[in-house]
């Protein structure tokens, strides 16, 4: 599978996609207009090892809900991601059985290396 979960309204996601210049076989899913399903999230978790690693602690809602002062468990991370798309760390790029989460330079470079 070759898939990208992203937000088309996120300038960082758009910049990364442009920089990667992904082949046409990639499926792009704008998570705002096409919500993540439980099955999709479970597939991501199987590759990522935990829901926490898929969770964005930089989300505006994370701060507004004061979640950093709560003890969150795996099921909480899963439920928050399913509840609101901004809790997913973006972009999430899946290439076969490898997952790349987030927008750090090292993640983008790792995707480029995998695509070579």
Protein backbone atom coordinates (compact mmCIF):
# COMPACT_ATOMS: atom_id res chain seq x y z
CA UNK A 1 0.00 0.00 0.00
CA UNK A 2 1.15 3.50 -0.80
CA UNK A 3 -0.93 6.09 1.01
CA UNK A 4 -0.72 9.56 2.50
CA UNK A 5 -2.99 10.92 5.22
CA UNK A 6 -2.75 14.70 5.18
CA UNK A 7 -4.63 17.99 5.33
CA UNK A 8 -4.87 19.93 2.09
CA UNK A 9 -5.37 23.11 4.13
CA UNK A 10 -2.05 22.55 5.95
CA UNK A 11 0.73 24.44 4.20
CA UNK A 12 3.37 22.14 5.73
CA UNK A 13 1.64 19.01 4.36
CA UNK A 14 1.28 20.63 0.93
CA UNK A 15 4.95 21.69 0.92
CA UNK A 16 6.11 18.19 1.89
CA UNK A 17 3.96 16.53 -0.79
CA UNK A 18 5.32 18.94 -3.39
CA UNK A 19 8.89 18.28 -2.22
CA UNK A 20 8.41 14.49 -2.34
CA UNK A 21 6.77 14.56 -5.78
CA UNK A 22 5.13 11.19 -5.08
CA UNK A 23 4.40 8.75 -7.92
CA UNK A 24 0.80 8.51 -9.12
CA UNK A 25 0.19 5.14 -7.43
CA UNK A 26 -0.01 6.92 -4.06
CA UNK A 27 -3.49 7.41 -2.62
CA UNK A 28 -3.92 10.80 -0.97
CA UNK A 29 -6.55 11.10 1.74
CA UNK A 30 -7.46 14.55 3.02
CA UNK A 31 -8.45 13.66 6.58
CA UNK A 32 -10.69 16.71 6.93
CA UNK A 33 -12.99 15.77 4.05
CA UNK A 34 -12.57 11.99 4.32
CA UNK A 35 -12.47 10.95 7.96
CA UNK A 36 -10.10 8.27 9.17
CA UNK A 37 -11.89 4.99 9.81
CA UNK A 38 -11.25 2.72 12.79
CA UNK A 39 -9.79 0.13 10.39
CA UNK A 40 -7.41 2.70 8.83
CA UNK A 41 -6.25 3.88 12.25
CA UNK A 42 -5.70 0.31 13.41
CA UNK A 43 -3.63 -0.36 10.27
CA UNK A 44 -1.52 2.72 11.02
CA UNK A 45 -1.09 1.62 14.65
CA UNK A 46 0.06 -1.85 13.57
CA UNK A 47 2.91 -0.19 11.64
CA UNK A 48 3.58 2.56 14.18
CA UNK A 49 3.43 0.33 17.28
CA UNK A 50 1.35 2.80 19.32
CA UNK A 51 -1.49 5.29 18.97
CA UNK A 52 0.57 7.76 20.97
CA UNK A 53 3.18 7.87 18.20
CA UNK A 54 0.40 8.89 15.77
CA UNK A 55 -0.96 11.54 18.13
CA UNK A 56 -0.10 15.22 17.69
CA UNK A 57 0.72 16.96 20.93
CA UNK A 58 1.07 20.18 18.93
CA UNK A 59 -2.65 20.23 18.12
CA UNK A 60 -4.55 23.35 19.13
CA UNK A 61 -7.22 21.16 20.76
CA UNK A 62 -4.54 19.35 22.79
CA UNK A 63 -3.67 22.65 24.42
CA UNK A 64 -7.28 23.88 24.69
CA UNK A 65 -8.42 20.66 26.37
CA UNK A 66 -5.39 20.72 28.70
CA UNK A 67 -4.59 17.13 27.78
CA UNK A 68 -0.92 17.46 28.74
CA UNK A 69 -2.01 17.51 32.38
CA UNK A 70 -4.05 14.32 32.04
CA UNK A 71 -2.78 10.76 32.08
CA UNK A 72 -3.67 9.48 28.63
CA UNK A 73 -3.64 5.80 27.74
CA UNK A 74 -3.49 4.13 24.33
CA UNK A 75 -7.30 3.93 24.03
CA UNK A 76 -7.51 7.67 24.81
CA UNK A 77 -5.07 8.52 22.01
CA UNK A 78 -7.04 6.29 19.62
CA UNK A 79 -10.37 7.85 20.60
CA UNK A 80 -9.10 11.43 20.30
CA UNK A 81 -7.65 10.77 16.83
CA UNK A 82 -10.96 9.27 15.71
CA UNK A 83 -12.90 12.11 17.34
CA UNK A 84 -11.05 14.94 15.61
CA UNK A 85 -8.67 14.87 12.65
CA UNK A 86 -6.31 17.49 14.12
CA UNK A 87 -5.10 14.95 16.69
CA UNK A 88 -3.35 12.93 13.96
CA UNK A 89 0.27 13.91 13.52
CA UNK A 90 0.58 14.85 9.86
CA UNK A 91 1.36 13.81 7.29
CA UNK A 92 1.30 10.04 7.75
CA UNK A 93 2.92 8.34 4.78
CA UNK A 94 2.69 4.59 4.31
CA UNK A 95 4.95 2.86 1.80
CA UNK A 96 4.33 -0.88 1.77
CA UNK A 97 5.01 -1.94 5.39
CA UNK A 98 6.79 1.24 6.48
CA UNK A 99 5.15 4.21 8.14
CA UNK A 100 6.47 7.75 8.33
CA UNK A 101 4.79 10.08 10.80
CA UNK A 102 5.05 13.84 11.00
CA UNK A 103 6.84 16.64 9.24
CA UNK A 104 10.36 16.68 10.66
CA UNK A 105 13.26 16.92 8.22
CA UNK A 106 14.48 13.47 9.24
CA UNK A 107 11.08 11.91 8.45
CA UNK A 108 10.93 13.62 5.04
CA UNK A 109 14.49 12.46 4.27
CA UNK A 110 13.60 8.90 5.30
CA UNK A 111 10.65 8.95 2.88
CA UNK A 112 12.93 10.20 0.10
CA UNK A 113 15.42 7.42 0.83
CA UNK A 114 12.65 4.82 0.73
CA UNK A 115 11.37 6.14 -2.60
CA UNK A 116 14.81 5.93 -4.26
